[in-house]
Amino acid sequence: MATDIVFIHAPTVYDFRKKPIFYGPVSDVVPSSPVFEMYPIGFMTMSSHLEAAGFKTRIVNIAVQMLQNK
C-alpha cells in the first residue's frame, strides 16, 4: 500500500555530521540510540488524525537516515 502523506523531521543543523556541536553534560552520558528518537508531537497528532480518516501516513527522521547512510 502506498503512502499518502510523508512528514519529514529535519535535523536542527543540516551538516551536523561535519560540525562539532557541544550539547552539554547529559549528551556525553546518555548515548544516542533509536530509543531516544523522538518526533514533534504535532506530527503524531496529524498522523493519527489522518490515518483515522483513511490516509496512509509515514514519519521520516532525516537525521537518522543521514547517520545510517554516511
Protein backbone atom coordinates (compact mmCIF):
# COMPACT_ATOMS: atom_id res chain seq x y z
CA MET A 1 0.00 0.00 0.00
CA ALA A 2 1.39 3.39 -0.99
CA THR A 3 1.94 6.22 1.47
CA ASP A 4 -0.37 9.20 1.01
CA ILE A 5 1.43 11.71 3.25
CA VAL A 6 5.03 11.80 4.50
CA PHE A 7 6.04 14.04 7.40
CA ILE A 8 9.74 14.92 7.30
CA HIS A 9 11.52 15.58 10.58
CA ALA A 10 14.65 17.51 9.60
CA PRO A 11 17.68 17.98 11.89
CA THR A 12 18.20 21.38 13.51
CA VAL A 13 21.67 21.62 11.97
CA TYR A 14 21.81 20.11 8.48
CA ASP A 15 25.53 19.35 8.39
CA PHE A 16 25.67 18.03 11.98
CA ARG A 17 27.95 15.18 10.87
CA LYS A 18 30.67 17.68 9.90
CA LYS A 19 30.42 20.31 12.65
CA PRO A 20 31.35 19.53 16.25
CA ILE A 21 28.40 20.55 18.42
CA PHE A 22 28.58 20.55 22.20
CA TYR A 23 25.16 19.78 23.65
CA GLY A 24 26.04 19.72 27.33
CA PRO A 25 26.96 17.24 30.04
CA VAL A 26 23.94 14.96 29.63
CA SER A 27 24.63 14.20 25.96
CA ASP A 28 28.04 12.78 26.93
CA VAL A 29 26.48 10.41 29.48
CA VAL A 30 23.44 9.21 27.51
CA PRO A 31 24.39 7.54 24.22
CA SER A 32 22.29 8.28 21.12
CA SER A 33 20.17 5.36 20.03
CA PRO A 34 16.82 4.72 18.33
CA VAL A 35 15.26 4.55 21.82
CA PHE A 36 15.67 8.34 22.03
CA GLU A 37 14.35 9.01 18.53
CA MET A 38 11.53 11.50 19.05
CA TYR A 39 9.23 13.40 16.72
CA PRO A 40 7.38 16.67 17.19
CA ILE A 41 4.08 15.95 18.94
CA GLY A 42 2.22 17.65 16.10
CA PHE A 43 3.47 15.01 13.66
CA MET A 44 1.98 12.25 15.79
CA THR A 45 -1.32 14.13 16.19
CA MET A 46 -1.67 14.92 12.47
CA SER A 47 -0.62 11.39 11.52
CA SER A 48 -3.18 9.70 13.77
CA HIS A 49 -5.94 12.09 12.68
CA LEU A 50 -5.21 11.44 9.00
CA GLU A 51 -4.95 7.67 9.49
CA ALA A 52 -8.34 7.71 11.24
CA ALA A 53 -9.66 9.41 8.10
CA GLY A 54 -8.26 6.61 5.91
CA PHE A 55 -4.93 8.07 4.79
CA LYS A 56 -1.66 6.13 5.00
CA THR A 57 1.00 8.29 6.69
CA ARG A 58 4.69 7.96 7.47
CA ILE A 59 7.16 9.99 9.55
CA VAL A 60 10.77 10.11 8.33
CA ASN A 61 13.59 11.31 10.57
CA ILE A 62 16.19 12.75 8.17
CA ALA A 63 18.96 12.81 10.82
CA VAL A 64 18.62 9.05 11.37
CA GLN A 65 18.68 8.46 7.61
CA MET A 66 21.81 10.62 7.30
CA LEU A 67 23.57 8.66 10.07
CA GLN A 68 22.67 5.31 8.51
CA ASN A 69 23.87 6.41 5.05
CA LYS A 70 27.19 8.00 5.98
